[in-house]
């Protein structure tokens, strides 16, 4: 932060609402908007319609965000289950194909043995 000629340099430890005032001619350190932080908090707690409405919207937004996060977690779990079941199904199909190949090999070998018997008898 640059120092402004004629004004003391604001402290980095001073809260931001106390550093500069947006109104010209206000002394440095004057509260922003004419309200000090404790009185602003008091205004919020008085239950005026504006802040109450904002609180309601904030709570609704937080609830909706939590629902979105829950849905995303559920989606990840379902994707994981699908991936596992796909793997299991694929393995099952490969085993079934291997059984069929072995059955065909066994049938072919049985046919080959029968042909050998007939050719050896002649």
PDB file of N, CA and C in Angstrom:
ATOM      1  N   UNK A   1       0.828  -1.166   0.000  1.00  0.00           N
ATOM      2  CA  UNK A   1       0.000   0.000   0.000  1.00  0.00           C
ATOM      3  C   UNK A   1       0.880   1.239   0.000  1.00  0.00           C
ATOM      4  N   UNK A   2       0.580   2.213  -0.842  1.00  0.00           N
ATOM      5  CA  UNK A   2       1.335   3.472  -0.882  1.00  0.00           C
ATOM      6  C   UNK A   2       0.776   4.426   0.148  1.00  0.00           C
ATOM      7  N   UNK A   3       1.704   5.219   0.686  1.00  0.00           N
ATOM      8  CA  UNK A   3       1.271   6.255   1.624  1.00  0.00           C
ATOM      9  C   UNK A   3       0.736   7.435   0.833  1.00  0.00           C
ATOM     10  N   UNK A   4      -0.333   8.041   1.303  1.00  0.00           N
ATOM     11  CA  UNK A   4      -0.918   9.217   0.672  1.00  0.00           C
ATOM     12  C   UNK A   4      -0.324  10.435   1.362  1.00  0.00           C
ATOM     13  N   UNK A   5       0.196  11.399   0.548  1.00  0.00           N
ATOM     14  CA  UNK A   5       0.801  12.580   1.187  1.00  0.00           C
ATOM     15  C   UNK A   5      -0.194  13.281   2.096  1.00  0.00           C
ATOM     16  N   UNK A   6       0.280  13.622   3.269  1.00  0.00           N
ATOM     17  CA  UNK A   6      -0.567  14.343   4.202  1.00  0.00           C
ATOM     18  C   UNK A   6      -1.400  13.447   5.096  1.00  0.00           C
ATOM     19  N   UNK A   7      -1.351  12.141   4.845  1.00  0.00           N
ATOM     20  CA  UNK A   7      -2.117  11.197   5.676  1.00  0.00           C
ATOM     21  C   UNK A   7      -1.166  10.170   6.258  1.00  0.00           C
ATOM     22  N   UNK A   8      -1.379   9.762   7.463  1.00  0.00           N
ATOM     23  CA  UNK A   8      -0.516   8.723   8.033  1.00  0.00           C
ATOM     24  C   UNK A   8      -0.782   7.384   7.332  1.00  0.00           C
ATOM     25  N   UNK A   9       0.250   6.563   7.265  1.00  0.00           N
ATOM     26  CA  UNK A   9       0.115   5.245   6.620  1.00  0.00           C
ATOM     27  C   UNK A   9      -0.730   4.336   7.507  1.00  0.00           C
ATOM     28  N   UNK A  10      -1.737   3.661   6.940  1.00  0.00           N
ATOM     29  CA  UNK A  10      -2.590   2.797   7.769  1.00  0.00           C
ATOM     30  C   UNK A  10      -1.812   1.575   8.240  1.00  0.00           C
ATOM     31  N   UNK A  11      -2.127   1.153   9.423  1.00  0.00           N
ATOM     32  CA  UNK A  11      -1.471  -0.021   9.979  1.00  0.00           C
ATOM     33  C   UNK A  11      -2.035  -1.272   9.326  1.00  0.00           C
ATOM     34  N   UNK A  12      -1.149  -2.243   9.083  1.00  0.00           N
ATOM     35  CA  UNK A  12      -1.600  -3.499   8.488  1.00  0.00           C
ATOM     36  C   UNK A  12      -2.402  -4.317   9.490  1.00  0.00           C
ATOM     37  N   UNK A  13      -2.226  -4.008  10.772  1.00  0.00           N
ATOM     38  CA  UNK A  13      -2.950  -4.766  11.786  1.00  0.00           C
ATOM     39  C   UNK A  13      -4.320  -4.182  12.080  1.00  0.00           C
ATOM     40  N   UNK A  14      -4.583  -3.006  11.576  1.00  0.00           N
ATOM     41  CA  UNK A  14      -5.863  -2.353  11.821  1.00  0.00           C
ATOM     42  C   UNK A  14      -6.940  -3.011  10.957  1.00  0.00           C
ATOM     43  N   UNK A  15      -8.127  -3.281  11.480  1.00  0.00           N
ATOM     44  CA  UNK A  15      -9.184  -3.905  10.692  1.00  0.00           C
ATOM     45  C   UNK A  15      -9.512  -3.073   9.457  1.00  0.00           C
ATOM     46  N   UNK A  16      -9.880  -3.736   8.336  1.00  0.00           N
ATOM     47  CA  UNK A  16     -10.122  -3.031   7.084  1.00  0.00           C
ATOM     48  C   UNK A  16     -11.206  -1.959   7.181  1.00  0.00           C
ATOM     49  N   UNK A  17     -12.236  -2.167   8.004  1.00  0.00           N
ATOM     50  CA  UNK A  17     -13.313  -1.173   8.083  1.00  0.00           C
ATOM     51  C   UNK A  17     -12.858   0.083   8.822  1.00  0.00           C
ATOM     52  N   UNK A  18     -11.699   0.029   9.451  1.00  0.00           N
ATOM     53  CA  UNK A  18     -11.204   1.182  10.183  1.00  0.00           C
ATOM     54  C   UNK A  18     -10.070   1.887   9.453  1.00  0.00           C
ATOM     55  N   UNK A  19      -9.603   1.391   8.305  1.00  0.00           N
ATOM     56  CA  UNK A  19      -8.455   1.959   7.601  1.00  0.00           C
ATOM     57  C   UNK A  19      -8.828   3.248   6.896  1.00  0.00           C
ATOM     58  N   UNK A  20      -9.738   3.215   5.971  1.00  0.00           N
ATOM     59  CA  UNK A  20     -10.147   4.391   5.211  1.00  0.00           C
ATOM     60  C   UNK A  20     -11.656   4.501   5.217  1.00  0.00           C
ATOM     61  N   UNK A  21     -12.133   5.687   5.192  1.00  0.00           N
ATOM     62  CA  UNK A  21     -13.564   5.903   5.079  1.00  0.00           C
ATOM     63  C   UNK A  21     -13.869   6.284   3.638  1.00  0.00           C
ATOM     64  N   UNK A  22     -14.970   5.799   3.055  1.00  0.00           N
ATOM     65  CA  UNK A  22     -15.284   6.134   1.683  1.00  0.00           C
ATOM     66  C   UNK A  22     -15.702   7.593   1.509  1.00  0.00           C
ATOM     67  N   UNK A  23     -16.075   8.269   2.603  1.00  0.00           N
ATOM     68  CA  UNK A  23     -16.511   9.649   2.488  1.00  0.00           C
ATOM     69  C   UNK A  23     -15.326  10.595   2.607  1.00  0.00           C
ATOM     70  N   UNK A  24     -15.317  11.605   1.733  1.00  0.00           N
ATOM     71  CA  UNK A  24     -14.243  12.589   1.748  1.00  0.00           C
ATOM     72  C   UNK A  24     -14.378  13.439   3.000  1.00  0.00           C
ATOM     73  N   UNK A  25     -13.252  13.720   3.616  1.00  0.00           N
ATOM     74  CA  UNK A  25     -13.258  14.561   4.788  1.00  0.00           C
ATOM     75  C   UNK A  25     -13.424  13.784   6.078  1.00  0.00           C
ATOM     76  N   UNK A  26     -13.677  12.481   6.009  1.00  0.00           N
ATOM     77  CA  UNK A  26     -13.801  11.681   7.225  1.00  0.00           C
ATOM     78  C   UNK A  26     -12.407  11.392   7.747  1.00  0.00           C
ATOM     79  N   UNK A  27     -12.245  11.385   9.029  1.00  0.00           N
ATOM     80  CA  UNK A  27     -10.929  11.081   9.573  1.00  0.00           C
ATOM     81  C   UNK A  27     -10.592   9.614   9.358  1.00  0.00           C
ATOM     82  N   UNK A  28      -9.271   9.349   9.253  1.00  0.00           N
ATOM     83  CA  UNK A  28      -8.827   7.964   9.108  1.00  0.00           C
ATOM     84  C   UNK A  28      -9.226   7.216  10.366  1.00  0.00           C
ATOM     85  N   UNK A  29      -9.754   6.027  10.199  1.00  0.00           N
ATOM     86  CA  UNK A  29     -10.180   5.232  11.337  1.00  0.00           C
ATOM     87  C   UNK A  29     -11.647   5.402  11.653  1.00  0.00           C
ATOM     88  N   UNK A  30     -12.335   6.263  10.907  1.00  0.00           N
ATOM     89  CA  UNK A  30     -13.762   6.433  11.124  1.00  0.00           C
ATOM     90  C   UNK A  30     -14.478   5.199  10.612  1.00  0.00           C
ATOM     91  N   UNK A  31     -15.514   4.775  11.267  1.00  0.00           N
ATOM     92  CA  UNK A  31     -16.241   3.583  10.819  1.00  0.00           C
ATOM     93  C   UNK A  31     -16.868   3.799   9.449  1.00  0.00           C
ATOM     94  N   UNK A  32     -16.876   2.749   8.646  1.00  0.00           N
ATOM     95  CA  UNK A  32     -17.466   2.795   7.311  1.00  0.00           C
ATOM     96  C   UNK A  32     -18.973   2.855   7.439  1.00  0.00           C
ATOM     97  N   UNK A  33     -19.597   3.734   6.681  1.00  0.00           N
ATOM     98  CA  UNK A  33     -21.050   3.815   6.663  1.00  0.00           C
ATOM     99  C   UNK A  33     -21.635   4.413   7.922  1.00  0.00           C
ATOM    100  N   UNK A  34     -20.803   4.963   8.781  1.00  0.00           N
ATOM    101  CA  UNK A  34     -21.312   5.602   9.977  1.00  0.00           C
ATOM    102  C   UNK A  34     -21.675   4.632  11.088  1.00  0.00           C
ATOM    103  N   UNK A  35     -21.507   3.339  10.879  1.00  0.00           N
ATOM    104  CA  UNK A  35     -21.813   2.353  11.911  1.00  0.00           C
ATOM    105  C   UNK A  35     -20.536   1.649  12.315  1.00  0.00           C
ATOM    106  N   UNK A  36     -20.323   1.530  13.594  1.00  0.00           N
ATOM    107  CA  UNK A  36     -19.179   0.754  14.048  1.00  0.00           C
ATOM    108  C   UNK A  36     -19.555  -0.722  13.975  1.00  0.00           C
ATOM    109  N   UNK A  37     -18.598  -1.635  13.924  1.00  0.00           N
ATOM    110  CA  UNK A  37     -18.919  -3.067  13.807  1.00  0.00           C
ATOM    111  C   UNK A  37     -19.884  -3.575  14.851  1.00  0.00           C
ATOM    112  N   UNK A  38     -19.756  -3.214  16.129  1.00  0.00           N
ATOM    113  CA  UNK A  38     -20.743  -3.734  17.088  1.00  0.00           C
ATOM    114  C   UNK A  38     -22.160  -3.241  16.801  1.00  0.00           C
ATOM    115  N   UNK A  39     -22.323  -1.976  16.356  1.00  0.00           N
ATOM    116  CA  UNK A  39     -23.679  -1.508  16.100  1.00  0.00           C
ATOM    117  C   UNK A  39     -24.241  -2.128  14.820  1.00  0.00           C
ATOM    118  N   UNK A  40     -23.361  -2.468  13.846  1.00  0.00           N
ATOM    119  CA  UNK A  40     -23.849  -3.166  12.649  1.00  0.00           C
ATOM    120  C   UNK A  40     -24.368  -4.539  13.038  1.00  0.00           C
ATOM    121  N   UNK A  41     -23.629  -5.216  13.929  1.00  0.00           N
ATOM    122  CA  UNK A  41     -24.086  -6.528  14.386  1.00  0.00           C
ATOM    123  C   UNK A  41     -25.401  -6.379  15.135  1.00  0.00           C
ATOM    124  N   UNK A  42     -25.547  -5.305  15.902  1.00  0.00           N
ATOM    125  CA  UNK A  42     -26.790  -5.071  16.615  1.00  0.00           C
ATOM    126  C   UNK A  42     -27.948  -4.870  15.664  1.00  0.00           C
ATOM    127  N   UNK A  43     -27.698  -4.169  14.555  1.00  0.00           N
ATOM    128  CA  UNK A  43     -28.748  -3.970  13.539  1.00  0.00           C
ATOM    129  C   UNK A  43     -29.183  -5.308  12.954  1.00  0.00           C
ATOM    130  N   UNK A  44     -28.206  -6.190  12.701  1.00  0.00           N
ATOM    131  CA  UNK A  44     -28.552  -7.495  12.142  1.00  0.00           C
ATOM    132  C   UNK A  44     -29.382  -8.311  13.120  1.00  0.00           C
ATOM    133  N   UNK A  45     -29.064  -8.179  14.410  1.00  0.00           N
ATOM    134  CA  UNK A  45     -29.774  -8.964  15.407  1.00  0.00           C
ATOM    135  C   UNK A  45     -31.143  -8.383  15.754  1.00  0.00           C
ATOM    136  N   UNK A  46     -31.411  -7.154  15.365  1.00  0.00           N
ATOM    137  CA  UNK A  46     -32.706  -6.549  15.680  1.00  0.00           C
ATOM    138  C   UNK A  46     -33.837  -7.196  14.905  1.00  0.00           C
ATOM    139  N   UNK A  47     -33.514  -7.929  13.877  1.00  0.00           N
ATOM    140  CA  UNK A  47     -34.554  -8.620  13.131  1.00  0.00           C
ATOM    141  C   UNK A  47     -35.226  -7.743  12.113  1.00  0.00           C
ATOM    142  N   UNK A  48     -34.528  -6.764  11.577  1.00  0.00           N
ATOM    143  CA  UNK A  48     -35.122  -5.961  10.514  1.00  0.00           C
ATOM    144  C   UNK A  48     -35.370  -6.853   9.313  1.00  0.00           C
ATOM    145  N   UNK A  49     -36.365  -6.547   8.488  1.00  0.00           N
ATOM    146  CA  UNK A  49     -36.725  -7.425   7.370  1.00  0.00           C
ATOM    147  C   UNK A  49     -35.574  -7.711   6.414  1.00  0.00           C
ATOM    148  N   UNK A  50     -34.730  -6.729   6.134  1.00  0.00           N
ATOM    149  CA  UNK A  50     -33.631  -6.942   5.198  1.00  0.00           C
ATOM    150  C   UNK A  50     -32.675  -8.033   5.644  1.00  0.00           C
ATOM    151  N   UNK A  51     -32.073  -7.899   6.820  1.00  0.00           N
ATOM    152  CA  UNK A  51     -31.139  -8.923   7.273  1.00  0.00           C
ATOM    153  C   UNK A  51     -31.806 -10.269   7.509  1.00  0.00           C
ATOM    154  N   UNK A  52     -33.055 -10.260   8.010  1.00  0.00           N
ATOM    155  CA  UNK A  52     -33.745 -11.532   8.229  1.00  0.00           C
ATOM    156  C   UNK A  52     -33.948 -12.257   6.913  1.00  0.00           C
ATOM    157  N   UNK A  53     -34.332 -11.485   5.889  1.00  0.00           N
ATOM    158  CA  UNK A  53     -34.519 -12.068   4.566  1.00  0.00           C
ATOM    159  C   UNK A  53     -33.194 -12.600   4.015  1.00  0.00           C
ATOM    160  N   UNK A  54     -32.129 -11.833   4.244  1.00  0.00           N
ATOM    161  CA  UNK A  54     -30.812 -12.288   3.801  1.00  0.00           C
ATOM    162  C   UNK A  54     -30.404 -13.566   4.513  1.00  0.00           C
ATOM    163  N   UNK A  55     -30.665 -13.623   5.814  1.00  0.00           N
ATOM    164  CA  UNK A  55     -30.343 -14.836   6.568  1.00  0.00           C
ATOM    165  C   UNK A  55     -31.128 -16.021   6.024  1.00  0.00           C
ATOM    166  N   UNK A  56     -32.405 -15.796   5.728  1.00  0.00           N
ATOM    167  CA  UNK A  56     -33.240 -16.873   5.190  1.00  0.00           C
ATOM    168  C   UNK A  56     -32.692 -17.366   3.857  1.00  0.00           C
ATOM    169  N   UNK A  57     -32.338 -16.424   2.986  1.00  0.00           N
ATOM    170  CA  UNK A  57     -31.769 -16.808   1.691  1.00  0.00           C
ATOM    171  C   UNK A  57     -30.444 -17.530   1.873  1.00  0.00           C
ATOM    172  N   UNK A  58     -29.662 -17.067   2.817  1.00  0.00           N
ATOM    173  CA  UNK A  58     -28.375 -17.703   3.077  1.00  0.00           C
ATOM    174  C   UNK A  58     -28.574 -19.139   3.552  1.00  0.00           C
ATOM    175  N   UNK A  59     -29.501 -19.347   4.478  1.00  0.00           N
ATOM    176  CA  UNK A  59     -29.760 -20.696   4.965  1.00  0.00           C
ATOM    177  C   UNK A  59     -30.284 -21.596   3.851  1.00  0.00           C
ATOM    178  N   UNK A  60     -31.155 -21.049   3.004  1.00  0.00           N
ATOM    179  CA  UNK A  60     -31.672 -21.840   1.878  1.00  0.00           C
ATOM    180  C   UNK A  60     -30.542 -22.203   0.926  1.00  0.00           C
ATOM    181  N   UNK A  61     -29.666 -21.250   0.653  1.00  0.00           N
ATOM    182  CA  UNK A  61     -28.553 -21.509  -0.256  1.00  0.00           C
ATOM    183  C   UNK A  61     -27.617 -22.567   0.314  1.00  0.00           C
ATOM    184  N   UNK A  62     -27.340 -22.485   1.609  1.00  0.00           N
ATOM    185  CA  UNK A  62     -26.473 -23.477   2.251  1.00  0.00           C
ATOM    186  C   UNK A  62     -27.132 -24.853   2.204  1.00  0.00           C
ATOM    187  N   UNK A  63     -28.432 -24.902   2.430  1.00  0.00           N
ATOM    188  CA  UNK A  63     -29.153 -26.176   2.365  1.00  0.00           C
ATOM    189  C   UNK A  63     -29.096 -26.765   0.963  1.00  0.00           C
ATOM    190  N   UNK A  64     -29.300 -25.919  -0.036  1.00  0.00           N
ATOM    191  CA  UNK A  64     -29.239 -26.396  -1.420  1.00  0.00           C
ATOM    192  C   UNK A  64     -27.838 -26.875  -1.771  1.00  0.00           C
ATOM    193  N   UNK A  65     -26.820 -26.162  -1.313  1.00  0.00           N
ATOM    194  CA  UNK A  65     -25.447 -26.596  -1.559  1.00  0.00           C
ATOM    195  C   UNK A  65     -25.168 -27.939  -0.894  1.00  0.00           C
ATOM    196  N   UNK A  66     -25.681 -28.127   0.308  1.00  0.00           N
ATOM    197  CA  UNK A  66     -25.489 -29.408   0.993  1.00  0.00           C
ATOM    198  C   UNK A  66     -26.189 -30.527   0.234  1.00  0.00           C
ATOM    199  N   UNK A  67     -27.381 -30.257  -0.288  1.00  0.00           N
ATOM    200  CA  UNK A  67     -28.086 -31.262  -1.087  1.00  0.00           C
ATOM    201  C   UNK A  67     -27.290 -31.608  -2.339  1.00  0.00           C
ATOM    202  N   UNK A  68     -26.705 -30.595  -2.971  1.00  0.00           N
ATOM    203  CA  UNK A  68     -25.892 -30.834  -4.162  1.00  0.00           C
ATOM    204  C   UNK A  68     -24.694 -31.706  -3.818  1.00  0.00           C
ATOM    205  N   UNK A  69     -24.034 -31.404  -2.701  1.00  0.00           N
ATOM    206  CA  UNK A  69     -22.889 -32.209  -2.281  1.00  0.00           C
ATOM    207  C   UNK A  69     -23.311 -33.648  -1.977  1.00  0.00           C
ATOM    208  N   UNK A  70     -24.467 -33.812  -1.328  1.00  0.00           N
ATOM    209  CA  UNK A  70     -24.963 -35.159  -1.047  1.00  0.00           C
ATOM    210  C   UNK A  70     -25.252 -35.918  -2.334  1.00  0.00           C
ATOM    211  N   UNK A  71     -25.851 -35.224  -3.312  1.00  0.00           N
ATOM    212  CA  UNK A  71     -26.132 -35.862  -4.600  1.00  0.00           C
ATOM    213  C   UNK A  71     -24.845 -36.243  -5.326  1.00  0.00           C
ATOM    214  N   UNK A  72     -23.844 -35.385  -5.239  1.00  0.00           N
ATOM    215  CA  UNK A  72     -22.562 -35.705  -5.875  1.00  0.00           C
ATOM    216  C   UNK A  72     -21.913 -36.910  -5.214  1.00  0.00           C
ATOM    217  N   UNK A  73     -22.001 -36.995  -3.870  1.00  0.00           N
ATOM    218  CA  UNK A  73     -21.467 -38.165  -3.166  1.00  0.00           C
ATOM    219  C   UNK A  73     -22.203 -39.429  -3.593  1.00  0.00           C
ATOM    220  N   UNK A  74     -23.525 -39.332  -3.700  1.00  0.00           N
ATOM    221  CA  UNK A  74     -24.318 -40.489  -4.131  1.00  0.00           C
ATOM    222  C   UNK A  74     -23.949 -40.904  -5.547  1.00  0.00           C
ATOM    223  N   UNK A  75     -23.740 -39.926  -6.416  1.00  0.00           N
ATOM    224  CA  UNK A  75     -23.364 -40.220  -7.802  1.00  0.00           C
ATOM    225  C   UNK A  75     -22.035 -40.957  -7.843  1.00  0.00           C
ATOM    226  N   UNK A  76     -21.066 -40.516  -7.037  1.00  0.00           N
ATOM    227  CA  UNK A  76     -19.762 -41.173  -7.005  1.00  0.00           C
ATOM    228  C   UNK A  76     -19.911 -42.614  -6.522  1.00  0.00           C
ATOM    229  N   UNK A  77     -20.722 -42.819  -5.482  1.00  0.00           N
ATOM    230  CA  UNK A  77     -20.933 -44.178  -4.971  1.00  0.00           C
ATOM    231  C   UNK A  77     -21.594 -45.064  -6.025  1.00  0.00           C
ATOM    232  N   UNK A  78     -22.608 -44.525  -6.699  1.00  0.00           N
ATOM    233  CA  UNK A  78     -23.303 -45.303  -7.728  1.00  0.00           C
ATOM    234  C   UNK A  78     -22.367 -45.619  -8.887  1.00  0.00           C
ATOM    235  N   UNK A  79     -21.554 -44.638  -9.299  1.00  0.00           N
ATOM    236  CA  UNK A  79     -20.577 -44.884 -10.368  1.00  0.00           C
ATOM    237  C   UNK A  79     -19.611 -45.990  -9.970  1.00  0.00           C
ATOM    238  N   UNK A  80     -19.188 -45.976  -8.721  1.00  0.00           N
ATOM    239  CA  UNK A  80     -18.267 -47.008  -8.227  1.00  0.00           C
ATOM    240  C   UNK A  80     -18.944 -48.387  -8.255  1.00  0.00           C
ATOM    241  N   UNK A  81     -20.195 -48.443  -7.802  1.00  0.00           N
ATOM    242  CA  UNK A  81     -20.933 -49.712  -7.815  1.00  0.00           C
ATOM    243  C   UNK A  81     -21.108 -50.223  -9.244  1.00  0.00           C
ATOM    244  N   UNK A  82     -21.450 -49.319 -10.159  1.00  0.00           N
ATOM    245  CA  UNK A  82     -21.629 -49.707 -11.558  1.00  0.00           C
ATOM    246  C   UNK A  82     -20.327 -50.258 -12.123  1.00  0.00           C
ATOM    247  N   UNK A  83     -19.227 -49.574 -11.815  1.00  0.00           N
ATOM    248  CA  UNK A  83     -17.925 -50.024 -12.313  1.00  0.00           C
ATOM    249  C   UNK A  83     -17.606 -51.424 -11.778  1.00  0.00           C
ATOM    250  N   UNK A  84     -17.886 -51.645 -10.476  1.00  0.00           N
ATOM    251  CA  UNK A  84     -17.634 -52.968  -9.894  1.00  0.00           C
ATOM    252  C   UNK A  84     -18.518 -54.032 -10.533  1.00  0.00           C
ATOM    253  N   UNK A  85     -19.800 -53.702 -10.734  1.00  0.00           N
ATOM    254  CA  UNK A  85     -20.712 -54.680 -11.323  1.00  0.00           C
ATOM    255  C   UNK A  85     -20.356 -54.946 -12.782  1.00  0.00           C
ATOM    256  N   UNK A  86     -19.912 -53.909 -13.493  1.00  0.00           N
ATOM    257  CA  UNK A  86     -19.466 -54.106 -14.872  1.00  0.00           C
ATOM    258  C   UNK A  86     -18.281 -55.059 -14.912  1.00  0.00           C
ATOM    259  N   UNK A  87     -17.361 -54.881 -13.984  1.00  0.00           N
ATOM    260  CA  UNK A  87     -16.193 -55.762 -13.920  1.00  0.00           C
ATOM    261  C   UNK A  87     -16.595 -57.192 -13.617  1.00  0.00           C
ATOM    262  N   UNK A  88     -17.527 -57.349 -12.685  1.00  0.00           N
ATOM    263  CA  UNK A  88     -18.001 -58.689 -12.326  1.00  0.00           C
ATOM    264  C   UNK A  88     -18.717 -59.338 -13.506  1.00  0.00           C
ATOM    265  N   UNK A  89     -19.568 -58.573 -14.184  1.00  0.00           N
ATOM    266  CA  UNK A  89     -20.295 -59.098 -15.334  1.00  0.00           C
ATOM    267  C   UNK A  89     -19.328 -59.471 -16.460  1.00  0.00           C
ATOM    268  N   UNK A  90     -18.345 -58.629 -16.704  1.00  0.00           N
ATOM    269  CA  UNK A  90     -17.361 -58.913 -17.749  1.00  0.00           C
ATOM    270  C   UNK A  90     -16.581 -60.183 -17.428  1.00  0.00           C
ATOM    271  N   UNK A  91     -16.185 -60.338 -16.174  1.00  0.00           N
ATOM    272  CA  UNK A  91     -15.468 -61.548 -15.764  1.00  0.00           C
ATOM    273  C   UNK A  91     -16.361 -62.772 -15.924  1.00  0.00           C
ATOM    274  N   UNK A  92     -17.633 -62.627 -15.561  1.00  0.00           N
ATOM    275  CA  UNK A  92     -18.573 -63.739 -15.702  1.00  0.00           C
ATOM    276  C   UNK A  92     -18.731 -64.144 -17.169  1.00  0.00           C
ATOM    277  N   UNK A  93     -18.832 -63.152 -18.053  1.00  0.00           N
ATOM    278  CA  UNK A  93     -18.949 -63.445 -19.486  1.00  0.00           C
ATOM    279  C   UNK A  93     -17.695 -64.135 -20.021  1.00  0.00           C
ATOM    280  N   UNK A  94     -16.544 -63.700 -19.548  1.00  0.00           N
ATOM    281  CA  UNK A  94     -15.291 -64.339 -19.990  1.00  0.00           C
ATOM    282  C   UNK A  94     -15.226 -65.785 -19.520  1.00  0.00           C
ATOM    283  N   UNK A  95     -15.677 -66.041 -18.300  1.00  0.00           N
ATOM    284  CA  UNK A  95     -15.697 -67.415 -17.784  1.00  0.00           C
ATOM    285  C   UNK A  95     -16.655 -68.262 -18.608  1.00  0.00           C
ATOM    286  N   UNK A  96     -17.816 -67.699 -18.944  1.00  0.00           N
ATOM    287  CA  UNK A  96     -18.800 -68.429 -19.748  1.00  0.00           C
ATOM    288  C   UNK A  96     -18.219 -68.749 -21.126  1.00  0.00           C
ATOM    289  N   UNK A  97     -17.550 -67.775 -21.733  1.00  0.00           N
ATOM    290  CA  UNK A  97     -16.920 -68.016 -23.040  1.00  0.00           C
ATOM    291  C   UNK A  97     -15.842 -69.088 -22.937  1.00  0.00           C
ATOM    292  N   UNK A  98     -15.068 -69.057 -21.881  1.00  0.00           N
ATOM    293  CA  UNK A  98     -14.017 -70.061 -21.692  1.00  0.00           C
ATOM    294  C   UNK A  98     -14.632 -71.458 -21.518  1.00  0.00           C
ATOM    295  N   UNK A  99     -15.748 -71.534 -20.796  1.00  0.00           N
ATOM    296  CA  UNK A  99     -16.440 -72.830 -20.639  1.00  0.00           C
ATOM    297  C   UNK A  99     -16.911 -73.352 -21.985  1.00  0.00           C
ATOM    298  N   UNK A 100     -17.462 -72.457 -22.817  1.00  0.00           N
ATOM    299  CA  UNK A 100     -17.921 -72.880 -24.141  1.00  0.00           C
ATOM    300  C   UNK A 100     -16.761 -73.373 -25.004  1.00  0.00           C
ATOM    301  N   UNK A 101     -15.648 -72.682 -24.952  1.00  0.00           N
ATOM    302  CA  UNK A 101     -14.467 -73.112 -25.723  1.00  0.00           C
ATOM    303  C   UNK A 101     -14.012 -74.475 -25.246  1.00  0.00           C
ATOM    304  N   UNK A 102     -13.976 -74.686 -23.933  1.00  0.00           N
ATOM    305  CA  UNK A 102     -13.571 -75.996 -23.408  1.00  0.00           C
ATOM    306  C   UNK A 102     -14.557 -77.085 -23.812  1.00  0.00           C
ATOM    307  N   UNK A 103     -15.852 -76.771 -23.804  1.00  0.00           N
ATOM    308  CA  UNK A 103     -16.853 -77.747 -24.250  1.00  0.00           C
ATOM    309  C   UNK A 103     -16.629 -78.138 -25.707  1.00  0.00           C
ATOM    310  N   UNK A 104     -16.373 -77.138 -26.564  1.00  0.00           N
ATOM    311  CA  UNK A 104     -16.121 -77.423 -27.978  1.00  0.00           C
ATOM    312  C   UNK A 104     -14.851 -78.263 -28.152  1.00  0.00           C
ATOM    313  N   UNK A 105     -13.818 -77.927 -27.375  1.00  0.00           N
ATOM    314  CA  UNK A 105     -12.582 -78.702 -27.459  1.00  0.00           C
ATOM    315  C   UNK A 105     -12.811 -80.143 -27.017  1.00  0.00           C
ATOM    316  N   UNK A 106     -13.588 -80.323 -25.968  1.00  0.00           N
ATOM    317  CA  UNK A 106     -13.883 -81.666 -25.480  1.00  0.00           C
ATOM    318  C   UNK A 106     -14.692 -82.447 -26.510  1.00  0.00           C
ATOM    319  N   UNK A 107     -15.686 -81.798 -27.128  1.00  0.00           N
ATOM    320  CA  UNK A 107     -16.480 -82.456 -28.174  1.00  0.00           C
ATOM    321  C   UNK A 107     -15.598 -82.825 -29.361  1.00  0.00           C
ATOM    322  N   UNK A 108     -14.740 -81.902 -29.779  1.00  0.00           N
ATOM    323  CA  UNK A 108     -13.850 -82.176 -30.909  1.00  0.00           C
ATOM    324  C   UNK A 108     -12.895 -83.323 -30.583  1.00  0.00           C
ATOM    325  N   UNK A 109     -12.393 -83.361 -29.366  1.00  0.00           N
ATOM    326  CA  UNK A 109     -11.481 -84.430 -28.979  1.00  0.00           C
ATOM    327  C   UNK A 109     -12.209 -85.770 -28.942  1.00  0.00           C
ATOM    328  N   UNK A 110     -13.465 -85.749 -28.444  1.00  0.00           N
ATOM    329  CA  UNK A 110     -14.259 -86.984 -28.419  1.00  0.00           C
ATOM    330  C   UNK A 110     -14.497 -87.476 -29.846  1.00  0.00           C
ATOM    331  N   UNK A 111     -14.823 -86.569 -30.758  1.00  0.00           N
ATOM    332  CA  UNK A 111     -15.028 -86.936 -32.157  1.00  0.00           C
ATOM    333  C   UNK A 111     -13.741 -87.475 -32.756  1.00  0.00           C
ATOM    334  N   UNK A 112     -12.633 -86.891 -32.415  1.00  0.00           N
ATOM    335  CA  UNK A 112     -11.338 -87.321 -32.940  1.00  0.00           C
ATOM    336  C   UNK A 112     -11.019 -88.730 -32.452  1.00  0.00           C
ATOM    337  N   UNK A 113     -11.283 -89.013 -31.175  1.00  0.00           N
ATOM    338  CA  UNK A 113     -11.026 -90.347 -30.634  1.00  0.00           C
ATOM    339  C   UNK A 113     -11.897 -91.388 -31.315  1.00  0.00           C
ATOM    340  N   UNK A 114     -13.176 -91.048 -31.571  1.00  0.00           N
ATOM    341  CA  UNK A 114     -14.074 -91.985 -32.239  1.00  0.00           C
ATOM    342  C   UNK A 114     -13.583 -92.266 -33.650  1.00  0.00           C
ATOM    343  N   UNK A 115     -13.111 -91.267 -34.363  1.00  0.00           N
ATOM    344  CA  UNK A 115     -12.585 -91.454 -35.711  1.00  0.00           C
ATOM    345  C   UNK A 115     -11.342 -92.330 -35.691  1.00  0.00           C
ATOM    346  N   UNK A 116     -10.525 -92.152 -34.664  1.00  0.00           N
ATOM    347  CA  UNK A 116      -9.310 -92.962 -34.534  1.00  0.00           C
ATOM    348  C   UNK A 116      -9.675 -94.433 -34.331  1.00  0.00           C
ATOM    349  N   UNK A 117     -10.720 -94.704 -33.558  1.00  0.00           N
ATOM    350  CA  UNK A 117     -11.132 -96.077 -33.296  1.00  0.00           C
ATOM    351  C   UNK A 117     -11.559 -96.741 -34.602  1.00  0.00           C
ATOM    352  N   UNK A 118     -12.391 -96.008 -35.391  1.00  0.00           N
ATOM    353  CA  UNK A 118     -12.900 -96.580 -36.630  1.00  0.00           C
ATOM    354  C   UNK A 118     -11.785 -96.758 -37.653  1.00  0.00           C
ATOM    355  N   UNK A 119     -10.870 -95.866 -37.724  1.00  0.00           N
ATOM    356  CA  UNK A 119      -9.780 -95.970 -38.704  1.00  0.00           C
ATOM    357  C   UNK A 119      -8.780 -97.033 -38.285  1.00  0.00           C
ATOM    358  N   UNK A 120      -8.605 -97.264 -37.009  1.00  0.00           N
ATOM    359  CA  UNK A 120      -7.657 -98.264 -36.548  1.00  0.00           C
ATOM    360  C   UNK A 120      -8.249 -99.666 -36.703  1.00  0.00           C
ATOM    361  N   UNK A 121      -9.572 -99.832 -36.664  1.00  0.00           N
ATOM    362  CA  UNK A 121     -10.216-101.107 -36.836  1.00  0.00           C
ATOM    363  C   UNK A 121     -10.144-101.546 -38.296  1.00  0.00           C
ATOM    364  N   UNK A 122     -10.243-100.632 -39.214  1.00  0.00           N
ATOM    365  CA  UNK A 122     -10.228-100.973 -40.641  1.00  0.00           C
ATOM    366  C   UNK A 122      -8.875-101.386 -41.018  1.00  0.00           C
TER     367      UNK A 122
END
